[in-house]
């Protein structure tokens, strides 16, 4: 299960240690693991992407 986040800045990012780094642009929406989402949000590099009803959106 992954959650959707929106990047607040352009960064190089990888969700898993074995993945290569990819460039993520400010405003881009992406699916990441919940733990990665929490870390990026804590570092103010992303926001949780929610529906208009403020429901958390998941990617299967």
N, C-alpha and C. Protein backbone atom coordinates (compact mmCIF):
# COMPACT_ATOMS: atom_id res chain seq x y z
N UNK A 1 0.84 -1.17 0.00
CA UNK A 1 0.00 0.00 0.00
C UNK A 1 0.90 1.24 0.00
N UNK A 2 0.50 2.21 -0.79
CA UNK A 2 1.22 3.49 -0.83
C UNK A 2 0.22 4.62 -0.69
N UNK A 3 0.69 5.75 -0.21
CA UNK A 3 -0.15 6.94 -0.10
C UNK A 3 0.33 7.97 -1.11
N UNK A 4 -0.56 8.87 -1.46
CA UNK A 4 -0.19 9.91 -2.41
C UNK A 4 0.28 11.16 -1.67
N UNK A 5 1.37 11.71 -2.16
CA UNK A 5 1.90 12.96 -1.62
C UNK A 5 2.13 13.93 -2.77
N UNK A 6 2.24 15.20 -2.43
CA UNK A 6 2.59 16.22 -3.41
C UNK A 6 3.88 16.88 -2.94
N UNK A 7 4.88 16.87 -3.80
CA UNK A 7 6.19 17.42 -3.45
C UNK A 7 6.11 18.95 -3.38
N UNK A 8 6.73 19.52 -2.35
CA UNK A 8 6.71 20.96 -2.16
C UNK A 8 7.99 21.62 -2.66
N UNK A 9 8.92 20.79 -3.11
CA UNK A 9 10.17 21.29 -3.68
C UNK A 9 10.72 20.23 -4.62
N UNK A 10 11.60 20.63 -5.51
CA UNK A 10 12.23 19.68 -6.42
C UNK A 10 13.35 18.97 -5.67
N UNK A 11 13.29 17.63 -5.68
CA UNK A 11 14.27 16.83 -4.95
C UNK A 11 14.63 15.58 -5.76
N UNK A 12 15.76 14.96 -5.41
CA UNK A 12 16.09 13.63 -5.89
C UNK A 12 15.63 12.68 -4.80
N UNK A 13 14.92 11.63 -5.20
CA UNK A 13 14.26 10.79 -4.22
C UNK A 13 14.24 9.33 -4.65
N UNK A 14 14.28 8.43 -3.67
CA UNK A 14 14.03 7.01 -3.90
C UNK A 14 13.25 6.48 -2.70
N UNK A 15 12.26 5.64 -2.97
CA UNK A 15 11.39 5.11 -1.92
C UNK A 15 12.03 3.93 -1.20
N UNK A 16 12.80 3.13 -1.95
CA UNK A 16 13.47 1.96 -1.39
C UNK A 16 14.97 2.07 -1.64
N UNK A 17 15.77 1.49 -0.76
CA UNK A 17 17.24 1.59 -0.86
C UNK A 17 17.77 1.04 -2.17
N UNK A 18 17.12 0.05 -2.75
CA UNK A 18 17.62 -0.59 -3.97
C UNK A 18 17.20 0.14 -5.25
N UNK A 19 16.37 1.16 -5.13
CA UNK A 19 15.96 1.93 -6.30
C UNK A 19 16.99 3.00 -6.63
N UNK A 20 17.03 3.41 -7.87
CA UNK A 20 17.90 4.52 -8.24
C UNK A 20 17.18 5.83 -7.93
N UNK A 21 17.97 6.88 -7.73
CA UNK A 21 17.39 8.19 -7.46
C UNK A 21 16.63 8.70 -8.68
N UNK A 22 15.49 9.32 -8.44
CA UNK A 22 14.73 9.95 -9.51
C UNK A 22 14.43 11.38 -9.12
N UNK A 23 14.32 12.23 -10.09
CA UNK A 23 14.02 13.64 -9.86
C UNK A 23 12.52 13.82 -9.71
N UNK A 24 12.11 14.44 -8.64
CA UNK A 24 10.71 14.75 -8.39
C UNK A 24 10.56 16.27 -8.37
N UNK A 25 9.65 16.78 -9.15
CA UNK A 25 9.47 18.22 -9.29
C UNK A 25 8.46 18.77 -8.30
N UNK A 26 8.65 20.02 -7.94
CA UNK A 26 7.71 20.71 -7.06
C UNK A 26 6.33 20.66 -7.69
N UNK A 27 5.32 20.27 -6.91
CA UNK A 27 3.95 20.17 -7.38
C UNK A 27 3.57 18.81 -7.92
N UNK A 28 4.56 17.95 -8.16
CA UNK A 28 4.31 16.60 -8.68
C UNK A 28 3.65 15.75 -7.60
N UNK A 29 2.72 14.90 -8.01
CA UNK A 29 2.06 13.97 -7.10
C UNK A 29 2.66 12.59 -7.33
N UNK A 30 2.98 11.89 -6.24
CA UNK A 30 3.58 10.57 -6.36
C UNK A 30 3.09 9.65 -5.26
N UNK A 31 3.21 8.35 -5.50
CA UNK A 31 2.83 7.32 -4.53
C UNK A 31 4.09 6.81 -3.83
N UNK A 32 4.09 6.87 -2.50
CA UNK A 32 5.22 6.41 -1.70
C UNK A 32 4.71 5.61 -0.52
N UNK A 33 5.62 4.88 0.12
CA UNK A 33 5.24 4.13 1.32
C UNK A 33 4.84 5.11 2.43
N UNK A 34 3.98 4.66 3.34
CA UNK A 34 3.58 5.54 4.44
C UNK A 34 4.76 6.07 5.26
N UNK A 35 5.79 5.24 5.49
CA UNK A 35 6.94 5.70 6.27
C UNK A 35 7.73 6.78 5.51
N UNK A 36 7.87 6.61 4.19
CA UNK A 36 8.54 7.64 3.38
C UNK A 36 7.73 8.92 3.35
N UNK A 37 6.41 8.79 3.26
CA UNK A 37 5.54 9.97 3.27
C UNK A 37 5.71 10.74 4.58
N UNK A 38 5.74 10.02 5.69
CA UNK A 38 5.89 10.67 6.99
C UNK A 38 7.22 11.41 7.07
N UNK A 39 8.29 10.81 6.58
CA UNK A 39 9.61 11.44 6.61
C UNK A 39 9.65 12.69 5.73
N UNK A 40 9.12 12.58 4.51
CA UNK A 40 9.12 13.73 3.60
C UNK A 40 8.26 14.87 4.13
N UNK A 41 7.13 14.54 4.73
CA UNK A 41 6.26 15.56 5.31
C UNK A 41 6.96 16.22 6.50
N UNK A 42 7.60 15.43 7.34
CA UNK A 42 8.34 15.96 8.50
C UNK A 42 9.44 16.92 8.05
N UNK A 43 10.12 16.58 6.94
CA UNK A 43 11.20 17.42 6.41
C UNK A 43 10.68 18.58 5.56
N UNK A 44 9.34 18.71 5.48
CA UNK A 44 8.67 19.76 4.71
C UNK A 44 9.02 19.71 3.22
N UNK A 45 9.24 18.49 2.71
CA UNK A 45 9.52 18.28 1.30
C UNK A 45 8.28 17.84 0.53
N UNK A 46 7.20 17.52 1.28
CA UNK A 46 5.97 17.06 0.65
C UNK A 46 4.78 17.31 1.57
N UNK A 47 3.60 17.26 0.96
CA UNK A 47 2.34 17.36 1.69
C UNK A 47 1.52 16.11 1.39
N UNK A 48 0.71 15.70 2.33
CA UNK A 48 -0.19 14.58 2.10
C UNK A 48 -1.23 15.00 1.08
N UNK A 49 -1.42 14.23 0.04
CA UNK A 49 -2.38 14.54 -1.00
C UNK A 49 -3.72 13.95 -0.60
N UNK A 50 -4.75 14.77 -0.48
CA UNK A 50 -6.05 14.32 -0.01
C UNK A 50 -7.14 14.68 -1.02
N UNK A 51 -8.30 14.05 -0.84
CA UNK A 51 -9.46 14.36 -1.68
C UNK A 51 -10.05 15.69 -1.23
N UNK A 52 -11.06 16.14 -1.94
CA UNK A 52 -11.72 17.39 -1.56
C UNK A 52 -12.41 17.26 -0.20
N UNK A 53 -12.69 16.02 0.22
CA UNK A 53 -13.28 15.76 1.54
C UNK A 53 -12.21 15.54 2.60
N UNK A 54 -10.95 15.76 2.22
CA UNK A 54 -9.79 15.56 3.09
C UNK A 54 -9.55 14.11 3.47
N UNK A 55 -10.00 13.18 2.60
CA UNK A 55 -9.71 11.76 2.79
C UNK A 55 -8.32 11.48 2.25
N UNK A 56 -7.56 10.62 2.93
CA UNK A 56 -6.25 10.21 2.45
C UNK A 56 -6.45 9.32 1.22
N UNK A 57 -5.66 9.57 0.19
CA UNK A 57 -5.75 8.80 -1.04
C UNK A 57 -4.66 7.74 -1.07
N UNK A 58 -5.03 6.52 -1.38
CA UNK A 58 -4.11 5.39 -1.43
C UNK A 58 -3.90 4.94 -2.86
N UNK A 59 -2.74 4.37 -3.13
CA UNK A 59 -2.41 3.81 -4.43
C UNK A 59 -2.16 2.32 -4.22
N UNK A 60 -2.86 1.49 -4.95
CA UNK A 60 -2.72 0.02 -4.78
C UNK A 60 -1.81 -0.55 -5.80
